[in-house]
Amino acid sequence: DVYYVTDPIWSHCWAIEPALRRFIEQYGHYFHVHTVMGGLLEKWHGGPIDPANGIYGPADVAGHWREVGKHSRMPIDGSLMIDNPVQSSFPPSRVFKVIQKHHGEETAFQFLRRSREKLFVFNENIGEAQVLKEIVDDLGLDGEEIVRKAEAVKGQELLDEDFAQARRLGARGFPTIIMVNEENKGVKIVGGRPLEHYEAGLAQVLGEQPEPKDKPPLVRLLEKEKLLFSKEIEVMYDLHEHEIDEFLRQELTPGTFEKKEILGETYITVK
């Protein structure tokens, strides 16, 4: 079992998407993924939220996010946290839990990805019900119904169960990835780490070197994800940034995708 303790608005979780995706794609046949919401921000209260990074209020977040985006090359705008800040990470976390319970881990994971795209890259406030409904609708689900369920008492109960599990796992920061084998022995990896750390952790809990599956063809990965940043393609296929254009020409049929740029980073979408 692999437990991924996270929060929808935590920038370092956005930054590990390239490595985490490849880890799950190539080694997911060895484990079940359980995504656990950690509850980063119930509400702003004037006191320290993340004093280590100098975050006491929403405006403090913008600069920190931009630094994470620049360093990871998973772009983050951040100006939303000055103009229209997310007041709590609980609303998207509750929606995640409702989707996870009724539609499964994979669909919930897609919701989490789309939510982060909206927040970090496209500056949409995922603390607002209307934005959440649109994200859920785009997944082919009933956004109105799911957000209503998330706002009900049961939505918070599901979230509280995750908070209790995060405490049991000893997760005190995000991202935390905990791998546990059948003998209940485990490895904990805290913070943003490259793929090699996850591979080594898996080898440790398995007691043997895991064999990776073949990398998925880019066309299949894009069909599944809908949007991929250059950094994600580079990490998945062991490429340098300057090799991306030629790789796209080789792997994708012209007219089936769009190549765009935002915040100095290239990304591709399904046409």
Protein backbone atom coordinates (compact mmCIF):
# COMPACT_ATOMS: atom_id res chain seq x y z
CA ASP A 1 0.00 0.00 0.00
CA VAL A 2 1.20 3.49 -0.87
CA TYR A 3 -0.35 6.35 1.11
CA TYR A 4 -0.03 9.81 -0.43
CA VAL A 5 -0.81 12.48 2.17
CA THR A 6 -1.48 15.75 0.43
CA ASP A 7 -3.58 18.90 0.17
CA PRO A 8 -5.12 20.50 -2.94
CA ILE A 9 -3.49 23.90 -2.38
CA TRP A 10 0.01 22.84 -1.33
CA SER A 11 2.52 23.91 -3.97
CA HIS A 12 5.13 21.23 -3.27
CA CYS A 13 2.52 18.58 -4.10
CA TRP A 14 2.05 20.25 -7.49
CA ALA A 15 5.83 20.24 -7.92
CA ILE A 16 6.14 16.44 -7.48
CA GLU A 17 3.48 15.61 -10.11
CA PRO A 18 6.08 14.66 -12.79
CA ALA A 19 7.95 12.19 -10.58
CA LEU A 20 4.85 10.82 -8.86
CA ARG A 21 3.06 10.20 -12.17
CA ARG A 22 5.99 8.23 -13.57
CA PHE A 23 6.32 6.26 -10.33
CA ILE A 24 2.66 5.23 -10.42
CA GLU A 25 2.66 4.55 -14.18
CA GLN A 26 5.74 2.33 -14.08
CA TYR A 27 5.47 0.68 -10.66
CA GLY A 28 1.75 0.83 -9.86
CA HIS A 29 1.40 -2.91 -10.45
CA TYR A 30 3.22 -3.42 -7.13
CA PHE A 31 0.86 -1.40 -4.91
CA HIS A 32 -2.51 0.19 -4.24
CA VAL A 33 -2.50 3.99 -3.98
CA HIS A 34 -4.50 5.62 -1.17
CA THR A 35 -4.66 9.40 -1.40
CA VAL A 36 -5.19 10.97 2.02
CA MET A 37 -6.23 14.59 2.54
CA GLY A 38 -4.11 16.26 5.21
CA GLY A 39 -6.07 19.45 5.94
CA LEU A 40 -3.54 22.22 5.36
CA LEU A 41 -5.83 25.23 5.78
CA GLU A 42 -9.18 25.26 7.54
CA LYS A 43 -9.22 29.07 7.51
CA TRP A 44 -6.92 32.07 7.76
CA HIS A 45 -6.74 33.28 11.35
CA GLY A 46 -4.01 35.92 11.54
CA GLY A 47 -1.49 33.55 13.12
CA PRO A 48 1.27 31.52 11.45
CA ILE A 49 0.07 28.94 8.93
CA ASP A 50 3.53 27.91 7.72
CA PRO A 51 6.09 29.95 9.67
CA ALA A 52 9.04 28.05 8.17
CA ASN A 53 8.16 29.61 4.81
CA GLY A 54 7.05 32.95 6.27
CA ILE A 55 3.36 32.35 5.59
CA TYR A 56 1.00 34.13 7.95
CA GLY A 57 -1.66 35.32 5.50
CA PRO A 58 -2.81 34.73 1.91
CA ALA A 59 -0.57 37.41 0.38
CA ASP A 60 2.52 35.66 1.78
CA VAL A 61 1.64 32.60 -0.30
CA ALA A 62 2.04 34.22 -3.74
CA GLY A 63 5.81 34.73 -3.62
CA HIS A 64 6.43 31.30 -2.09
CA TRP A 65 4.32 29.62 -4.77
CA ARG A 66 6.14 31.42 -7.56
CA GLU A 67 9.49 30.27 -6.16
CA VAL A 68 8.28 26.66 -6.05
CA GLY A 69 6.97 26.98 -9.61
CA LYS A 70 10.21 28.45 -10.88
CA HIS A 71 12.36 25.83 -9.17
CA SER A 72 10.21 22.83 -10.19
CA ARG A 73 9.20 24.15 -13.64
CA MET A 74 5.61 23.21 -12.80
CA PRO A 75 4.32 26.74 -13.37
CA ILE A 76 2.50 28.66 -10.67
CA ASP A 77 1.04 32.13 -11.13
CA GLY A 78 0.14 32.84 -7.49
CA SER A 79 -1.49 36.26 -7.98
CA LEU A 80 -4.86 34.74 -7.08
CA MET A 81 -3.72 34.63 -3.45
CA ILE A 82 -3.46 38.42 -3.50
CA ASP A 83 -6.55 39.22 -5.61
CA ASN A 84 -9.04 36.52 -4.59
CA PRO A 85 -7.39 34.17 -2.08
CA VAL A 86 -8.51 30.65 -1.35
CA GLN A 87 -9.95 30.89 2.16
CA SER A 88 -9.80 27.18 2.98
CA SER A 89 -8.49 23.97 1.42
CA PHE A 90 -11.33 22.01 3.03
CA PRO A 91 -13.98 22.53 0.26
CA PRO A 92 -11.88 20.90 -2.53
CA SER A 93 -10.69 18.26 -0.05
CA ARG A 94 -14.28 17.33 0.78
CA VAL A 95 -15.19 17.11 -2.91
CA PHE A 96 -12.18 14.84 -3.42
CA LYS A 97 -13.39 12.54 -0.63
CA VAL A 98 -16.92 12.29 -2.04
CA ILE A 99 -15.57 11.42 -5.49
CA GLN A 100 -13.10 8.94 -4.02
CA LYS A 101 -15.87 7.19 -2.06
CA HIS A 102 -18.46 7.03 -4.84
CA HIS A 103 -16.37 6.99 -8.04
CA GLY A 104 -13.02 5.51 -7.04
CA GLU A 105 -9.41 6.52 -6.48
CA GLU A 106 -8.51 7.12 -10.11
CA THR A 107 -11.36 9.56 -10.79
CA ALA A 108 -10.67 11.37 -7.52
CA PHE A 109 -7.01 11.66 -8.51
CA GLN A 110 -8.09 13.22 -11.81
CA PHE A 111 -10.20 15.72 -9.88
CA LEU A 112 -7.19 16.62 -7.73
CA ARG A 113 -5.04 17.16 -10.81
CA ARG A 114 -7.62 19.36 -12.56
CA SER A 115 -8.12 21.37 -9.38
CA ARG A 116 -4.41 22.09 -9.13
CA GLU A 117 -4.23 23.13 -12.77
CA LYS A 118 -7.09 25.57 -12.19
CA LEU A 119 -5.53 26.98 -9.03
CA PHE A 120 -1.82 27.14 -9.71
CA VAL A 121 -1.72 27.79 -13.44
CA PHE A 122 -5.02 29.35 -14.43
CA ASN A 123 -5.71 31.34 -11.25
CA GLU A 124 -9.14 30.00 -10.41
CA ASN A 125 -10.33 29.83 -6.82
CA ILE A 126 -10.93 26.16 -6.02
CA GLY A 127 -12.36 27.13 -2.63
CA GLU A 128 -15.48 28.37 -4.43
CA ALA A 129 -18.40 26.01 -5.08
CA GLN A 130 -18.99 27.15 -8.66
CA VAL A 131 -15.38 26.45 -9.70
CA LEU A 132 -15.54 23.02 -8.04
CA LYS A 133 -18.81 22.20 -9.82
CA GLU A 134 -17.25 23.06 -13.19
CA ILE A 135 -14.22 20.85 -12.52
CA VAL A 136 -16.45 17.93 -11.54
CA ASP A 137 -18.74 18.47 -14.55
CA ASP A 138 -15.68 18.35 -16.83
CA LEU A 139 -14.93 14.88 -15.44
CA GLY A 140 -18.33 13.73 -16.69
CA LEU A 141 -19.86 13.67 -13.20
CA ASP A 142 -22.69 15.71 -11.67
CA GLY A 143 -20.92 18.70 -10.16
CA GLU A 144 -24.04 20.07 -8.50
CA GLU A 145 -24.78 16.83 -6.70
CA ILE A 146 -21.21 16.06 -5.67
CA VAL A 147 -20.52 19.55 -4.31
CA ARG A 148 -23.82 19.39 -2.41
CA LYS A 149 -22.79 16.07 -0.85
CA ALA A 150 -19.37 17.50 -0.01
CA GLU A 151 -20.94 20.49 1.75
CA ALA A 152 -23.18 18.22 3.84
CA VAL A 153 -22.15 16.79 7.20
CA LYS A 154 -21.03 13.53 5.58
CA GLY A 155 -18.42 15.37 3.50
CA GLN A 156 -16.70 16.65 6.62
CA GLU A 157 -16.97 13.24 8.28
CA LEU A 158 -15.10 11.68 5.35
CA LEU A 159 -12.46 14.39 5.64
CA ASP A 160 -12.10 13.87 9.40
CA GLU A 161 -11.43 10.17 8.74
CA ASP A 162 -8.53 11.20 6.52
CA PHE A 163 -7.15 13.57 9.15
CA ALA A 164 -7.19 10.72 11.67
CA GLN A 165 -5.45 8.41 9.20
CA ALA A 166 -2.78 11.04 8.47
CA ARG A 167 -2.09 11.25 12.22
CA ARG A 168 -1.86 7.46 12.49
CA LEU A 169 0.59 7.43 9.59
CA GLY A 170 2.69 10.08 11.34
CA ALA A 171 2.38 12.52 8.43
CA ARG A 172 3.12 16.05 9.60
CA GLY A 173 3.87 17.76 6.29
CA PHE A 174 2.99 17.63 2.62
CA PRO A 175 3.69 15.77 0.50
CA THR A 176 4.29 12.65 2.58
CA ILE A 177 4.44 9.28 0.85
CA ILE A 178 4.36 6.18 3.02
CA MET A 179 4.88 2.69 1.60
CA VAL A 180 3.79 -0.25 3.76
CA ASN A 181 4.32 -3.93 2.97
CA GLU A 182 2.29 -6.99 4.01
CA GLU A 183 4.34 -7.30 7.20
CA ASN A 184 3.36 -3.72 8.12
CA LYS A 185 6.92 -2.47 7.67
CA GLY A 186 7.22 0.80 5.87
CA VAL A 187 9.17 3.69 4.45
CA LYS A 188 8.24 7.35 4.79
CA ILE A 189 9.34 9.94 2.20
CA VAL A 190 8.64 13.55 3.12
CA GLY A 191 8.73 16.56 0.81
CA GLY A 192 9.48 16.87 -2.87
CA ARG A 193 11.86 14.13 -4.02
CA PRO A 194 13.01 12.85 -7.42
CA LEU A 195 11.85 9.52 -8.82
CA GLU A 196 14.92 7.66 -7.52
CA HIS A 197 13.78 8.17 -3.91
CA TYR A 198 10.43 6.49 -4.60
CA GLU A 199 12.11 3.64 -6.47
CA ALA A 200 14.51 3.08 -3.58
CA GLY A 201 11.67 3.20 -1.04
CA LEU A 202 9.69 0.63 -2.99
CA ALA A 203 12.71 -1.66 -3.27
CA GLN A 204 13.15 -1.43 0.50
CA VAL A 205 9.58 -2.43 1.36
CA LEU A 206 9.47 -5.16 -1.29
CA GLY A 207 12.81 -6.59 -0.28
CA GLU A 208 13.80 -6.78 -3.95
CA GLN A 209 14.43 -4.51 -6.90
CA PRO A 210 11.11 -3.75 -8.61
CA GLU A 211 10.79 -4.18 -12.37
CA PRO A 212 9.25 -1.13 -14.07
CA LYS A 213 6.55 -1.49 -16.69
CA ASP A 214 7.18 0.11 -20.06
CA LYS A 215 6.47 3.83 -20.20
CA PRO A 216 3.08 4.58 -21.71
CA PRO A 217 3.11 6.05 -25.24
CA LEU A 218 2.76 9.82 -25.10
CA VAL A 219 -0.49 9.69 -27.09
CA ARG A 220 -2.08 7.45 -24.45
CA LEU A 221 -0.76 9.54 -21.58
CA LEU A 222 -2.09 12.74 -23.14
CA GLU A 223 -5.50 11.17 -23.78
CA LYS A 224 -5.67 10.26 -20.11
CA GLU A 225 -4.29 13.48 -18.62
CA LYS A 226 -5.64 16.02 -21.18
CA LEU A 227 -2.87 18.50 -20.30
CA LEU A 228 0.86 17.90 -19.75
CA PHE A 229 3.67 20.33 -19.05
CA SER A 230 7.07 20.04 -20.67
CA LYS A 231 8.64 19.08 -17.34
CA GLU A 232 6.22 16.16 -16.98
CA ILE A 233 7.08 14.85 -20.44
CA GLU A 234 10.80 15.28 -19.76
CA VAL A 235 10.63 13.31 -16.51
CA MET A 236 8.42 10.56 -17.95
CA TYR A 237 10.57 9.96 -21.04
CA ASP A 238 14.07 10.93 -19.80
CA LEU A 239 14.34 13.95 -22.08
CA HIS A 240 16.07 17.32 -21.94
CA GLU A 241 13.98 20.42 -22.45
CA HIS A 242 15.48 21.11 -25.88
CA GLU A 243 14.39 17.64 -27.09
CA ILE A 244 10.68 18.18 -26.49
CA ASP A 245 9.71 19.61 -29.89
CA GLU A 246 11.29 16.76 -31.82
CA PHE A 247 9.75 14.21 -29.42
CA LEU A 248 6.27 15.70 -29.97
CA ARG A 249 6.76 15.48 -33.74
CA GLN A 250 7.72 11.82 -33.46
CA GLU A 251 5.02 10.76 -31.00
CA LEU A 252 1.89 12.79 -31.81
CA THR A 253 -0.11 13.21 -35.02
CA PRO A 254 -0.27 16.85 -36.19
CA GLY A 255 -3.67 18.38 -35.51
CA THR A 256 -4.42 16.12 -32.53
CA PHE A 257 -2.84 18.39 -29.93
CA GLU A 258 -2.16 22.03 -29.21
CA LYS A 259 1.14 23.36 -27.93
CA LYS A 260 0.91 26.45 -25.75
CA GLU A 261 3.01 28.45 -23.32
CA ILE A 262 2.24 29.96 -19.94
CA LEU A 263 4.51 31.55 -17.34
CA GLY A 264 7.52 30.68 -19.51
CA GLU A 265 6.70 26.96 -19.65
CA THR A 266 5.43 24.90 -22.59
CA TYR A 267 2.44 22.63 -22.23
CA ILE A 268 0.33 20.52 -24.57
CA THR A 269 -3.39 19.77 -24.55
CA VAL A 270 -5.69 17.42 -26.43
CA LYS A 271 -7.29 19.25 -29.36
